[in-house]
Amino acid sequence: MLRAVPGARPMLTEVGITVQPYDIDLAAHVNNVVYVRWMEDLRLELLRRHCSMQALVESGMAAVVVETHIRYKKPVQPFDAPIGSIWCSELGRVSGTFHAQIAVNGDLCTEFTQRVMFVNMTTMKAMRTPQELRDHFALMNVPVEEETRP
């Protein structure tokens, strides 16, 4: 099991998010189900940047979500410009755990944790975590320097 060292965010991926008009619910903020889609978008972008998606598909592998936890801290409003951040905190033999955040103007709005299992798309049996992903995790598993504020 590969685990992130304290203060590390291996494979950190940041993406700007566009709030679409259809993302807004009757309470005039982003609907809760949209956050799940954003988490999926973030995880797929992390995988695209750190592992060949074509190679995964050609090998018959998929990352299947087995668990998702969301903590809503502050609503995202229409016309906000959220930034999503995601990183991998753990890679096991056949699974991975991802953490993500959505922030607006530096204010944390949402925190996510998601666990996936790598499976054969035909048999749905577990497959070994891709070596390319394990290599990137190991390379990027270093503490992030804290920002200094005046």
C-alpha atoms as a PDB file:
ATOM      1  CA  MET A   1       0.000   0.000   0.000  1.00  0.00           C
ATOM      2  CA  LEU A   2       1.370   3.377  -1.032  1.00  0.00           C
ATOM      3  CA  ARG A   3       0.280   6.216   1.289  1.00  0.00           C
ATOM      4  CA  ALA A   4       0.856   9.940   0.965  1.00  0.00           C
ATOM      5  CA  VAL A   5       3.377  11.326   3.423  1.00  0.00           C
ATOM      6  CA  PRO A   6       2.002  14.018   5.774  1.00  0.00           C
ATOM      7  CA  GLY A   7       1.534  17.266   3.879  1.00  0.00           C
ATOM      8  CA  ALA A   8       1.859  15.629   0.445  1.00  0.00           C
ATOM      9  CA  ARG A   9      -0.686  15.740  -2.337  1.00  0.00           C
ATOM     10  CA  PRO A  10       0.610  13.216  -4.882  1.00  0.00           C
ATOM     11  CA  MET A  11      -0.543  13.821  -8.450  1.00  0.00           C
ATOM     12  CA  LEU A  12      -2.197  17.123  -7.475  1.00  0.00           C
ATOM     13  CA  THR A  13      -4.382  18.262 -10.355  1.00  0.00           C
ATOM     14  CA  GLU A  14      -6.189  21.605 -10.426  1.00  0.00           C
ATOM     15  CA  VAL A  15      -8.961  22.508 -12.857  1.00  0.00           C
ATOM     16  CA  GLY A  16     -11.173  25.552 -13.336  1.00  0.00           C
ATOM     17  CA  ILE A  17     -14.864  24.676 -13.219  1.00  0.00           C
ATOM     18  CA  THR A  18     -17.631  26.450 -15.112  1.00  0.00           C
ATOM     19  CA  VAL A  19     -20.970  26.718 -13.319  1.00  0.00           C
ATOM     20  CA  GLN A  20     -23.602  26.039 -15.971  1.00  0.00           C
ATOM     21  CA  PRO A  21     -27.149  27.456 -15.782  1.00  0.00           C
ATOM     22  CA  TYR A  22     -28.515  23.889 -15.557  1.00  0.00           C
ATOM     23  CA  ASP A  23     -26.323  23.248 -12.470  1.00  0.00           C
ATOM     24  CA  ILE A  24     -28.451  25.651 -10.398  1.00  0.00           C
ATOM     25  CA  ASP A  25     -31.409  24.358  -8.388  1.00  0.00           C
ATOM     26  CA  LEU A  26     -34.473  26.081  -6.936  1.00  0.00           C
ATOM     27  CA  ALA A  27     -32.460  27.246  -3.917  1.00  0.00           C
ATOM     28  CA  ALA A  28     -30.344  29.353  -6.349  1.00  0.00           C
ATOM     29  CA  HIS A  29     -27.088  27.460  -5.776  1.00  0.00           C
ATOM     30  CA  VAL A  30     -25.357  24.482  -7.362  1.00  0.00           C
ATOM     31  CA  ASN A  31     -27.398  21.306  -6.895  1.00  0.00           C
ATOM     32  CA  ASN A  32     -25.780  18.627  -4.716  1.00  0.00           C
ATOM     33  CA  VAL A  33     -25.733  16.045  -7.519  1.00  0.00           C
ATOM     34  CA  VAL A  34     -23.561  18.380  -9.633  1.00  0.00           C
ATOM     35  CA  TYR A  35     -20.749  18.075  -7.084  1.00  0.00           C
ATOM     36  CA  VAL A  36     -20.632  14.319  -7.754  1.00  0.00           C
ATOM     37  CA  ARG A  37     -20.222  15.038 -11.488  1.00  0.00           C
ATOM     38  CA  TRP A  38     -17.458  17.537 -10.717  1.00  0.00           C
ATOM     39  CA  MET A  39     -15.683  14.895  -8.598  1.00  0.00           C
ATOM     40  CA  GLU A  40     -15.885  12.484 -11.533  1.00  0.00           C
ATOM     41  CA  ASP A  41     -14.519  15.151 -13.889  1.00  0.00           C
ATOM     42  CA  LEU A  42     -11.630  15.879 -11.509  1.00  0.00           C
ATOM     43  CA  ARG A  43     -10.724  12.201 -11.036  1.00  0.00           C
ATOM     44  CA  LEU A  44     -10.795  11.553 -14.777  1.00  0.00           C
ATOM     45  CA  GLU A  45      -8.561  14.583 -15.384  1.00  0.00           C
ATOM     46  CA  LEU A  46      -6.068  13.320 -12.771  1.00  0.00           C
ATOM     47  CA  LEU A  47      -6.028   9.909 -14.465  1.00  0.00           C
ATOM     48  CA  ARG A  48      -5.599  11.519 -17.922  1.00  0.00           C
ATOM     49  CA  ARG A  49      -2.577  13.477 -16.701  1.00  0.00           C
ATOM     50  CA  HIS A  50      -0.905  10.598 -14.866  1.00  0.00           C
ATOM     51  CA  CYS A  51      -1.903   7.447 -16.703  1.00  0.00           C
ATOM     52  CA  SER A  52      -2.641   6.611 -20.316  1.00  0.00           C
ATOM     53  CA  MET A  53      -6.426   6.338 -20.515  1.00  0.00           C
ATOM     54  CA  GLN A  54      -6.115   4.675 -23.919  1.00  0.00           C
ATOM     55  CA  ALA A  55      -3.825   2.018 -22.458  1.00  0.00           C
ATOM     56  CA  LEU A  56      -6.291   1.407 -19.607  1.00  0.00           C
ATOM     57  CA  VAL A  57      -9.208   0.962 -21.986  1.00  0.00           C
ATOM     58  CA  GLU A  58      -7.187  -1.225 -24.354  1.00  0.00           C
ATOM     59  CA  SER A  59      -6.186  -3.449 -21.427  1.00  0.00           C
ATOM     60  CA  GLY A  60      -9.871  -3.779 -20.495  1.00  0.00           C
ATOM     61  CA  MET A  61      -9.466  -1.857 -17.228  1.00  0.00           C
ATOM     62  CA  ALA A  62     -11.804   0.628 -15.587  1.00  0.00           C
ATOM     63  CA  ALA A  63     -11.731   2.509 -12.286  1.00  0.00           C
ATOM     64  CA  VAL A  64     -15.070   1.718 -10.616  1.00  0.00           C
ATOM     65  CA  VAL A  65     -16.237   3.954  -7.765  1.00  0.00           C
ATOM     66  CA  VAL A  66     -16.884   1.959  -4.600  1.00  0.00           C
ATOM     67  CA  GLU A  67     -17.307   4.797  -2.110  1.00  0.00           C
ATOM     68  CA  THR A  68     -17.845   8.587  -2.163  1.00  0.00           C
ATOM     69  CA  HIS A  69     -18.033  11.013   0.770  1.00  0.00           C
ATOM     70  CA  ILE A  70     -18.888  14.674   0.330  1.00  0.00           C
ATOM     71  CA  ARG A  71     -18.757  17.428   2.915  1.00  0.00           C
ATOM     72  CA  TYR A  72     -20.536  20.624   1.911  1.00  0.00           C
ATOM     73  CA  LYS A  73     -19.101  23.661   3.657  1.00  0.00           C
ATOM     74  CA  LYS A  74     -20.325  26.614   1.591  1.00  0.00           C
ATOM     75  CA  PRO A  75     -22.625  26.720  -1.456  1.00  0.00           C
ATOM     76  CA  VAL A  76     -21.305  27.501  -4.907  1.00  0.00           C
ATOM     77  CA  GLN A  77     -23.444  30.224  -6.468  1.00  0.00           C
ATOM     78  CA  PRO A  78     -24.275  31.150 -10.053  1.00  0.00           C
ATOM     79  CA  PHE A  79     -21.456  33.168 -11.655  1.00  0.00           C
ATOM     80  CA  ASP A  80     -18.843  31.841  -9.192  1.00  0.00           C
ATOM     81  CA  ALA A  81     -15.576  30.615 -10.723  1.00  0.00           C
ATOM     82  CA  PRO A  82     -14.743  27.499  -8.683  1.00  0.00           C
ATOM     83  CA  ILE A  83     -11.374  25.774  -8.787  1.00  0.00           C
ATOM     84  CA  GLY A  84     -11.258  22.023  -8.248  1.00  0.00           C
ATOM     85  CA  SER A  85      -8.201  20.291  -6.782  1.00  0.00           C
ATOM     86  CA  ILE A  86      -7.711  16.540  -6.572  1.00  0.00           C
ATOM     87  CA  TRP A  87      -4.889  14.263  -5.445  1.00  0.00           C
ATOM     88  CA  CYS A  88      -4.351  10.611  -4.633  1.00  0.00           C
ATOM     89  CA  SER A  89      -3.777   9.820  -0.955  1.00  0.00           C
ATOM     90  CA  GLU A  90      -3.463   6.039  -1.227  1.00  0.00           C
ATOM     91  CA  LEU A  91      -2.820   3.403  -3.862  1.00  0.00           C
ATOM     92  CA  GLY A  92      -3.368  -0.190  -2.927  1.00  0.00           C
ATOM     93  CA  ARG A  93      -2.841  -3.338  -4.959  1.00  0.00           C
ATOM     94  CA  VAL A  94      -6.218  -2.966  -6.710  1.00  0.00           C
ATOM     95  CA  SER A  95      -7.657   0.311  -5.380  1.00  0.00           C
ATOM     96  CA  GLY A  96      -7.010   4.006  -4.933  1.00  0.00           C
ATOM     97  CA  THR A  97      -8.294   6.759  -2.654  1.00  0.00           C
ATOM     98  CA  PHE A  98      -8.688  10.286  -3.978  1.00  0.00           C
ATOM     99  CA  HIS A  99      -9.308  13.539  -2.117  1.00  0.00           C
ATOM    100  CA  ALA A 100     -10.696  16.639  -3.760  1.00  0.00           C
ATOM    101  CA  GLN A 101     -11.759  20.157  -2.902  1.00  0.00           C
ATOM    102  CA  ILE A 102     -13.813  22.841  -4.605  1.00  0.00           C
ATOM    103  CA  ALA A 103     -12.945  26.427  -3.677  1.00  0.00           C
ATOM    104  CA  VAL A 104     -14.185  29.844  -4.749  1.00  0.00           C
ATOM    105  CA  ASN A 105     -11.829  32.799  -4.313  1.00  0.00           C
ATOM    106  CA  GLY A 106      -9.723  30.656  -1.987  1.00  0.00           C
ATOM    107  CA  ASP A 107     -12.685  29.766   0.257  1.00  0.00           C
ATOM    108  CA  LEU A 108     -13.237  26.029   0.666  1.00  0.00           C
ATOM    109  CA  CYS A 109     -16.758  25.076  -0.444  1.00  0.00           C
ATOM    110  CA  THR A 110     -16.685  21.292  -0.667  1.00  0.00           C
ATOM    111  CA  GLU A 111     -14.431  18.382   0.317  1.00  0.00           C
ATOM    112  CA  PHE A 112     -14.622  14.918  -1.247  1.00  0.00           C
ATOM    113  CA  THR A 113     -13.112  11.520  -0.643  1.00  0.00           C
ATOM    114  CA  GLN A 114     -13.599   8.808  -3.224  1.00  0.00           C
ATOM    115  CA  ARG A 115     -12.330   5.240  -3.368  1.00  0.00           C
ATOM    116  CA  VAL A 116     -12.098   3.335  -6.627  1.00  0.00           C
ATOM    117  CA  MET A 117     -11.269  -0.237  -7.512  1.00  0.00           C
ATOM    118  CA  PHE A 118      -9.505  -1.116 -10.743  1.00  0.00           C
ATOM    119  CA  VAL A 119     -11.432  -3.881 -12.493  1.00  0.00           C
ATOM    120  CA  ASN A 120     -11.543  -5.844 -15.722  1.00  0.00           C
ATOM    121  CA  MET A 121     -14.483  -4.365 -17.661  1.00  0.00           C
ATOM    122  CA  THR A 122     -15.570  -7.776 -18.978  1.00  0.00           C
ATOM    123  CA  THR A 123     -15.341  -9.893 -15.832  1.00  0.00           C
ATOM    124  CA  MET A 124     -15.643  -7.082 -13.222  1.00  0.00           C
ATOM    125  CA  LYS A 125     -12.830  -8.812 -11.290  1.00  0.00           C
ATOM    126  CA  ALA A 126     -10.131  -6.743  -9.606  1.00  0.00           C
ATOM    127  CA  MET A 127      -7.028  -5.825 -11.606  1.00  0.00           C
ATOM    128  CA  ARG A 128      -3.680  -4.577 -10.348  1.00  0.00           C
ATOM    129  CA  THR A 129      -3.359  -0.801 -10.020  1.00  0.00           C
ATOM    130  CA  PRO A 130      -1.621   0.514 -13.169  1.00  0.00           C
ATOM    131  CA  GLN A 131       2.167   0.687 -12.753  1.00  0.00           C
ATOM    132  CA  GLU A 132       2.270   4.103 -14.448  1.00  0.00           C
ATOM    133  CA  LEU A 133      -0.035   5.460 -11.737  1.00  0.00           C
ATOM    134  CA  ARG A 134       2.075   3.879  -8.977  1.00  0.00           C
ATOM    135  CA  ASP A 135       5.236   5.403 -10.492  1.00  0.00           C
ATOM    136  CA  HIS A 136       3.702   8.903 -10.643  1.00  0.00           C
ATOM    137  CA  PHE A 137       2.425   8.551  -7.072  1.00  0.00           C
ATOM    138  CA  ALA A 138       5.892   7.604  -5.783  1.00  0.00           C
ATOM    139  CA  LEU A 139       7.558  10.433  -7.722  1.00  0.00           C
ATOM    140  CA  MET A 140       5.149  13.086  -6.437  1.00  0.00           C
ATOM    141  CA  ASN A 141       4.780  11.878  -2.835  1.00  0.00           C
ATOM    142  CA  VAL A 142       6.548  14.825  -1.198  1.00  0.00           C
ATOM    143  CA  PRO A 143       5.208  17.405   1.283  1.00  0.00           C
ATOM    144  CA  VAL A 144       3.801  20.618  -0.192  1.00  0.00           C
ATOM    145  CA  GLU A 145       5.490  23.762   1.103  1.00  0.00           C
ATOM    146  CA  GLU A 146       3.225  25.938   3.200  1.00  0.00           C
ATOM    147  CA  GLU A 147       2.490  29.400   1.844  1.00  0.00           C
ATOM    148  CA  THR A 148       4.018  32.185   3.869  1.00  0.00           C
ATOM    149  CA  ARG A 149       1.701  35.081   4.564  1.00  0.00           C
ATOM    150  CA  PRO A 150       2.842  38.573   5.573  1.00  0.00           C
END
